[in-house]
C-alpha atoms as a PDB file:
ATOM      1  CA  MET A   1     126.118 -19.408 -59.402  1.00  0.00           C
ATOM      2  CA  ALA A   2     128.808 -22.055 -59.672  1.00  0.00           C
ATOM      3  CA  ASP A   3     132.169 -21.234 -61.219  1.00  0.00           C
ATOM      4  CA  THR A   4     133.027 -23.063 -64.436  1.00  0.00           C
ATOM      5  CA  ALA A   5     135.765 -25.685 -64.360  1.00  0.00           C
ATOM      6  CA  ASN A   6     136.199 -28.072 -67.268  1.00  0.00           C
ATOM      7  CA  LEU A   7     138.041 -31.332 -66.623  1.00  0.00           C
ATOM      8  CA  ALA A   8     140.432 -33.010 -69.057  1.00  0.00           C
ATOM      9  CA  ILE A   9     140.967 -36.677 -68.194  1.00  0.00           C
ATOM     10  CA  TYR A  10     143.133 -39.256 -69.920  1.00  0.00           C
ATOM     11  CA  GLN A  11     141.408 -42.640 -70.002  1.00  0.00           C
ATOM     12  CA  GLY A  12     143.069 -45.241 -67.774  1.00  0.00           C
ATOM     13  CA  ASP A  13     145.108 -42.701 -65.794  1.00  0.00           C
ATOM     14  CA  ASP A  14     144.632 -41.725 -62.171  1.00  0.00           C
ATOM     15  CA  TYR A  15     143.088 -38.245 -62.047  1.00  0.00           C
ATOM     16  CA  ALA A  16     143.781 -35.837 -59.180  1.00  0.00           C
ATOM     17  CA  ALA A  17     143.097 -32.163 -58.574  1.00  0.00           C
ATOM     18  CA  VAL A  18     142.879 -29.805 -55.618  1.00  0.00           C
ATOM     19  CA  VAL A  19     140.119 -27.212 -55.336  1.00  0.00           C
ATOM     20  CA  ALA A  20     140.698 -24.159 -53.119  1.00  0.00           C
ATOM     21  CA  ILE A  21     137.556 -22.579 -51.698  1.00  0.00           C
ATOM     22  CA  SER A  22     137.234 -18.881 -50.902  1.00  0.00           C
ATOM     23  CA  ASN A  23     134.500 -16.349 -50.418  1.00  0.00           C
ATOM     24  CA  GLY A  24     136.289 -13.256 -51.675  1.00  0.00           C
ATOM     25  CA  GLY A  25     138.657 -12.643 -48.785  1.00  0.00           C
ATOM     26  CA  GLY A  26     136.317 -13.005 -45.818  1.00  0.00           C
ATOM     27  CA  THR A  27     136.483 -15.712 -43.192  1.00  0.00           C
ATOM     28  CA  LEU A  28     134.882 -19.023 -44.022  1.00  0.00           C
ATOM     29  CA  ASP A  29     134.173 -21.895 -41.629  1.00  0.00           C
ATOM     30  CA  LEU A  30     133.158 -25.138 -43.321  1.00  0.00           C
ATOM     31  CA  THR A  31     133.427 -27.352 -40.238  1.00  0.00           C
ATOM     32  CA  GLY A  32     130.852 -30.120 -40.476  1.00  0.00           C
ATOM     33  CA  TYR A  33     130.304 -29.743 -44.222  1.00  0.00           C
ATOM     34  CA  ALA A  34     130.417 -32.653 -46.656  1.00  0.00           C
ATOM     35  CA  ALA A  35     131.297 -32.573 -50.354  1.00  0.00           C
ATOM     36  CA  GLN A  36     130.024 -34.554 -53.338  1.00  0.00           C
ATOM     37  CA  ALA A  37     130.767 -34.662 -57.055  1.00  0.00           C
ATOM     38  CA  GLN A  38     129.651 -36.759 -59.992  1.00  0.00           C
ATOM     39  CA  ILE A  39     130.412 -37.122 -63.666  1.00  0.00           C
ATOM     40  CA  ARG A  40     127.265 -37.810 -65.707  1.00  0.00           C
ATOM     41  CA  THR A  41     126.449 -38.573 -69.310  1.00  0.00           C
ATOM     42  CA  ASP A  42     124.048 -35.588 -69.324  1.00  0.00           C
ATOM     43  CA  TYR A  43     122.413 -33.318 -66.775  1.00  0.00           C
ATOM     44  CA  ALA A  44     120.504 -35.188 -64.046  1.00  0.00           C
ATOM     45  CA  ASP A  45     117.111 -33.732 -64.936  1.00  0.00           C
ATOM     46  CA  GLN A  46     117.669 -34.776 -68.556  1.00  0.00           C
ATOM     47  CA  GLY A  47     118.143 -38.421 -67.599  1.00  0.00           C
ATOM     48  CA  GLY A  48     121.930 -38.383 -67.401  1.00  0.00           C
ATOM     49  CA  THR A  49     123.302 -41.500 -65.751  1.00  0.00           C
ATOM     50  CA  VAL A  50     126.215 -41.393 -63.321  1.00  0.00           C
ATOM     51  CA  ALA A  51     129.405 -42.314 -65.169  1.00  0.00           C
ATOM     52  CA  ALA A  52     131.699 -41.793 -62.154  1.00  0.00           C
ATOM     53  CA  GLU A  53     131.638 -40.713 -58.532  1.00  0.00           C
ATOM     54  CA  ILE A  54     134.549 -38.412 -57.774  1.00  0.00           C
ATOM     55  CA  GLN A  55     136.265 -39.277 -54.495  1.00  0.00           C
ATOM     56  CA  ILE A  56     136.683 -36.179 -52.332  1.00  0.00           C
ATOM     57  CA  THR A  57     138.971 -35.656 -49.354  1.00  0.00           C
ATOM     58  CA  PRO A  58     138.200 -32.349 -47.630  1.00  0.00           C
ATOM     59  CA  ASP A  59     140.744 -30.337 -45.674  1.00  0.00           C
ATOM     60  CA  TRP A  60     138.385 -27.809 -44.126  1.00  0.00           C
ATOM     61  CA  PRO A  61     140.992 -25.892 -42.091  1.00  0.00           C
ATOM     62  CA  ALA A  62     142.945 -25.281 -45.329  1.00  0.00           C
ATOM     63  CA  LEU A  63     139.688 -24.764 -47.298  1.00  0.00           C
ATOM     64  CA  THR A  64     140.693 -27.287 -49.948  1.00  0.00           C
ATOM     65  CA  LEU A  65     139.140 -30.370 -51.495  1.00  0.00           C
ATOM     66  CA  ALA A  66     141.275 -33.118 -53.028  1.00  0.00           C
ATOM     67  CA  LEU A  67     139.465 -34.713 -55.980  1.00  0.00           C
ATOM     68  CA  ASP A  68     140.466 -38.199 -57.111  1.00  0.00           C
ATOM     69  CA  ILE A  69     139.310 -40.620 -59.767  1.00  0.00           C
ATOM     70  CA  PRO A  70     141.269 -43.895 -59.793  1.00  0.00           C
ATOM     71  CA  HIS A  71     142.449 -45.410 -63.069  1.00  0.00           C
ATOM     72  CA  ASP A  72     140.033 -48.329 -62.820  1.00  0.00           C
ATOM     73  CA  VAL A  73     137.211 -45.765 -63.052  1.00  0.00           C
ATOM     74  CA  THR A  74     138.736 -43.535 -65.751  1.00  0.00           C
ATOM     75  CA  SER A  75     139.340 -46.646 -67.858  1.00  0.00           C
ATOM     76  CA  THR A  76     135.547 -46.959 -68.204  1.00  0.00           C
ATOM     77  CA  LEU A  77     135.147 -43.413 -69.540  1.00  0.00           C
ATOM     78  CA  ALA A  78     135.411 -42.182 -73.129  1.00  0.00           C
ATOM     79  CA  GLY A  79     134.059 -39.063 -74.800  1.00  0.00           C
ATOM     80  CA  ASN A  80     132.294 -36.055 -73.287  1.00  0.00           C
ATOM     81  CA  TYR A  81     130.399 -35.691 -70.025  1.00  0.00           C
ATOM     82  CA  VAL A  82     129.265 -33.051 -67.511  1.00  0.00           C
ATOM     83  CA  TRP A  83     130.160 -32.729 -63.845  1.00  0.00           C
ATOM     84  CA  ASP A  84     129.655 -30.606 -60.762  1.00  0.00           C
ATOM     85  CA  LEU A  85     131.012 -30.244 -57.232  1.00  0.00           C
ATOM     86  CA  GLN A  86     128.765 -29.452 -54.292  1.00  0.00           C
ATOM     87  CA  ILE A  87     129.290 -28.724 -50.628  1.00  0.00           C
ATOM     88  CA  VAL A  88     126.593 -29.755 -48.179  1.00  0.00           C
ATOM     89  CA  ALA A  89     126.064 -27.811 -44.945  1.00  0.00           C
ATOM     90  CA  PRO A  90     125.315 -29.636 -41.688  1.00  0.00           C
ATOM     91  CA  ASP A  91     121.668 -28.501 -42.023  1.00  0.00           C
ATOM     92  CA  GLY A  92     121.456 -30.107 -45.499  1.00  0.00           C
ATOM     93  CA  ALA A  93     121.734 -26.918 -47.584  1.00  0.00           C
ATOM     94  CA  ILE A  94     123.542 -27.640 -50.850  1.00  0.00           C
ATOM     95  CA  THR A  95     125.765 -25.189 -52.718  1.00  0.00           C
ATOM     96  CA  THR A  96     127.230 -26.052 -56.112  1.00  0.00           C
ATOM     97  CA  ILE A  97     130.672 -24.436 -56.270  1.00  0.00           C
ATOM     98  CA  LEU A  98     132.030 -25.781 -59.589  1.00  0.00           C
ATOM     99  CA  ALA A  99     130.453 -27.218 -62.738  1.00  0.00           C
ATOM    100  CA  GLY A 100     131.504 -27.851 -66.279  1.00  0.00           C
ATOM    101  CA  GLU A 101     132.298 -30.269 -69.034  1.00  0.00           C
ATOM    102  CA  VAL A 102     134.499 -33.357 -68.885  1.00  0.00           C
ATOM    103  CA  SER A 103     136.546 -34.413 -71.882  1.00  0.00           C
ATOM    104  CA  VAL A 104     138.088 -37.889 -71.784  1.00  0.00           C
ATOM    105  CA  THR A 105     140.865 -38.682 -74.249  1.00  0.00           C
ATOM    106  CA  GLN A 106     140.998 -42.370 -75.092  1.00  0.00           C
ATOM    107  CA  GLU A 107     144.158 -44.180 -74.070  1.00  0.00           C
ATOM    108  CA  VAL A 108     146.595 -45.854 -76.429  1.00  0.00           C
ATOM    109  CA  THR A 109     148.552 -48.203 -74.158  1.00  0.00           C
ATOM    110  CA  ARG A 110     146.729 -50.856 -72.146  1.00  0.00           C
ATOM    111  CA  GLU A 111     147.869 -53.536 -69.768  1.00  0.00           C
ATOM    112  CA  PRO A 112     148.324 -56.900 -71.460  1.00  0.00           C
ATOM    113  CA  ALA A 113     145.326 -59.185 -71.081  1.00  0.00           C
END
């Protein structure tokens, strides 16, 4: 079961977070794994469309994932969404490690047109 992590994003800002991965104190080797995350308007099996792909930079030796959403992407978001973060083993096995809601606060200041 994935842990719950709700995201709070400010529209038009660059979003960044770091996720630390652990398995309760034991050793963990994620060499060769990939990671993927999306923000959707609703759950995938309920027809939710992808609102944003979250850019992920893994640091497997440190067991961390850097999550980034550039401002040009957050500027297209407004309201409430859902998201999840998955790691994909070299053999294709997928494990969802985080999931939750995304709340986007609309911006006030915008660049002049």
